[in-house]
Amino acid sequence: MLIGSNIGFEENGKNEMFERPVLILRKFNKYILWALPLTRSKKGGDFYYRITQGEEDDSVVILSQIRLISSKRLLRKMRMMKQAEFEEIKNKVKKFLP
């Protein structure tokens, strides 16, 4: 996803296009979706969820930085995750919503 330059404590993208991997949480239509940025930093606490894909391939979902984005920002599909793990992430995000 092309995320742009960060403001404050937001996660910044990499290289000149500010690319960052994201987890698509919900697609509303073919143009708009909710995305959660991922990081390789070992972060813990209520605002993070660790995805285990193999020792060198672990990622952390940043639950507190959910974003509504255009599907035009997406560059490529990287992988699918297990449904049970996806449901657990959705339940954690719901705890932050009113």
Protein backbone atom coordinates (compact mmCIF):
# COMPACT_ATOMS: atom_id res chain seq x y z
CA MET A 1 0.00 0.00 0.00
CA LEU A 2 1.17 3.53 -0.68
CA ILE A 3 0.80 5.14 2.71
CA GLY A 4 2.50 8.52 2.32
CA SER A 5 4.67 10.40 4.76
CA ASN A 6 3.95 9.94 8.45
CA ILE A 7 2.54 12.57 10.78
CA GLY A 8 3.32 12.34 14.49
CA PHE A 9 3.48 8.70 15.61
CA GLU A 10 2.00 7.08 12.48
CA GLU A 11 3.97 4.30 10.82
CA ASN A 12 5.86 5.60 7.80
CA GLY A 13 6.16 3.71 4.54
CA LYS A 14 9.47 2.60 3.01
CA ASN A 15 11.40 3.92 -0.03
CA GLU A 16 10.39 6.90 -2.17
CA MET A 17 6.85 5.55 -2.70
CA PHE A 18 6.29 5.09 1.08
CA GLU A 19 5.24 1.44 0.69
CA ARG A 20 4.02 -0.49 3.73
CA PRO A 21 2.45 -3.95 4.04
CA VAL A 22 -1.11 -3.90 5.37
CA LEU A 23 -3.76 -6.35 6.46
CA ILE A 24 -7.10 -5.73 4.74
CA LEU A 25 -9.62 -5.83 7.56
CA ARG A 26 -12.80 -5.06 5.64
CA LYS A 27 -13.68 -4.26 2.06
CA PHE A 28 -16.76 -2.00 1.73
CA ASN A 29 -16.89 -1.96 -2.06
CA LYS A 30 -14.33 -2.19 -4.88
CA TYR A 31 -13.01 1.30 -4.06
CA ILE A 32 -12.86 1.62 -0.25
CA LEU A 33 -11.47 -0.64 2.52
CA TRP A 34 -10.16 -0.68 6.07
CA ALA A 35 -6.47 -1.56 6.38
CA LEU A 36 -4.15 -2.17 9.32
CA PRO A 37 -0.43 -1.44 8.84
CA LEU A 38 2.13 -4.17 9.58
CA THR A 39 5.63 -3.89 10.99
CA ARG A 40 8.53 -6.29 11.60
CA SER A 41 9.42 -4.52 14.87
CA LYS A 42 8.86 -6.71 17.92
CA LYS A 43 6.12 -4.72 19.65
CA GLY A 44 3.78 -5.92 22.38
CA GLY A 45 0.73 -4.75 24.27
CA ASP A 46 -2.97 -4.26 23.59
CA PHE A 47 -2.41 -2.24 20.41
CA TYR A 48 -0.40 -4.94 18.60
CA TYR A 49 -1.01 -8.48 17.35
CA ARG A 50 1.84 -10.77 16.33
CA ILE A 51 1.31 -12.88 13.20
CA THR A 52 3.49 -15.99 13.19
CA GLN A 53 4.40 -17.04 9.65
CA GLY A 54 7.74 -18.69 10.41
CA GLU A 55 10.75 -17.55 12.41
CA GLU A 56 12.05 -14.98 9.94
CA ASP A 57 8.68 -14.02 8.52
CA ASP A 58 6.84 -12.75 11.62
CA SER A 59 4.92 -9.49 11.39
CA VAL A 60 3.07 -7.36 13.92
CA VAL A 61 -0.32 -5.80 13.14
CA ILE A 62 -0.67 -2.26 14.51
CA LEU A 63 -4.29 -2.41 15.68
CA SER A 64 -4.50 1.24 16.74
CA GLN A 65 -3.66 2.60 13.26
CA ILE A 66 -6.67 1.37 11.30
CA ARG A 67 -7.15 3.43 8.13
CA LEU A 68 -9.90 3.89 5.59
CA ILE A 69 -8.13 3.84 2.22
CA SER A 70 -8.79 3.69 -1.49
CA SER A 71 -8.15 0.36 -3.19
CA LYS A 72 -6.05 2.32 -5.70
CA ARG A 73 -3.33 2.52 -3.01
CA LEU A 74 -2.85 -1.26 -3.06
CA LEU A 75 0.12 -2.46 -5.10
CA ARG A 76 0.16 -6.27 -4.83
CA LYS A 77 -1.21 -9.17 -2.81
CA MET A 78 1.42 -10.69 -0.54
CA ARG A 79 -0.25 -13.67 1.18
CA MET A 80 -3.34 -15.05 2.89
CA MET A 81 -3.61 -15.75 6.62
CA LYS A 82 -5.47 -18.40 8.59
CA GLN A 83 -9.16 -17.60 9.11
CA ALA A 84 -8.97 -18.22 12.88
CA GLU A 85 -6.13 -15.72 13.25
CA PHE A 86 -8.00 -13.16 11.12
CA GLU A 87 -11.11 -13.53 13.33
CA GLU A 88 -8.97 -12.98 16.44
CA ILE A 89 -7.58 -9.76 14.95
CA LYS A 90 -11.10 -8.56 14.07
CA ASN A 91 -12.24 -9.20 17.64
CA LYS A 92 -9.30 -7.25 19.05
CA VAL A 93 -10.08 -4.28 16.76
CA LYS A 94 -13.75 -4.34 17.83
CA LYS A 95 -12.65 -3.71 21.43
CA PHE A 96 -11.29 -0.31 20.36
CA LEU A 97 -14.47 0.77 18.57
CA PRO A 98 -17.34 2.44 20.46
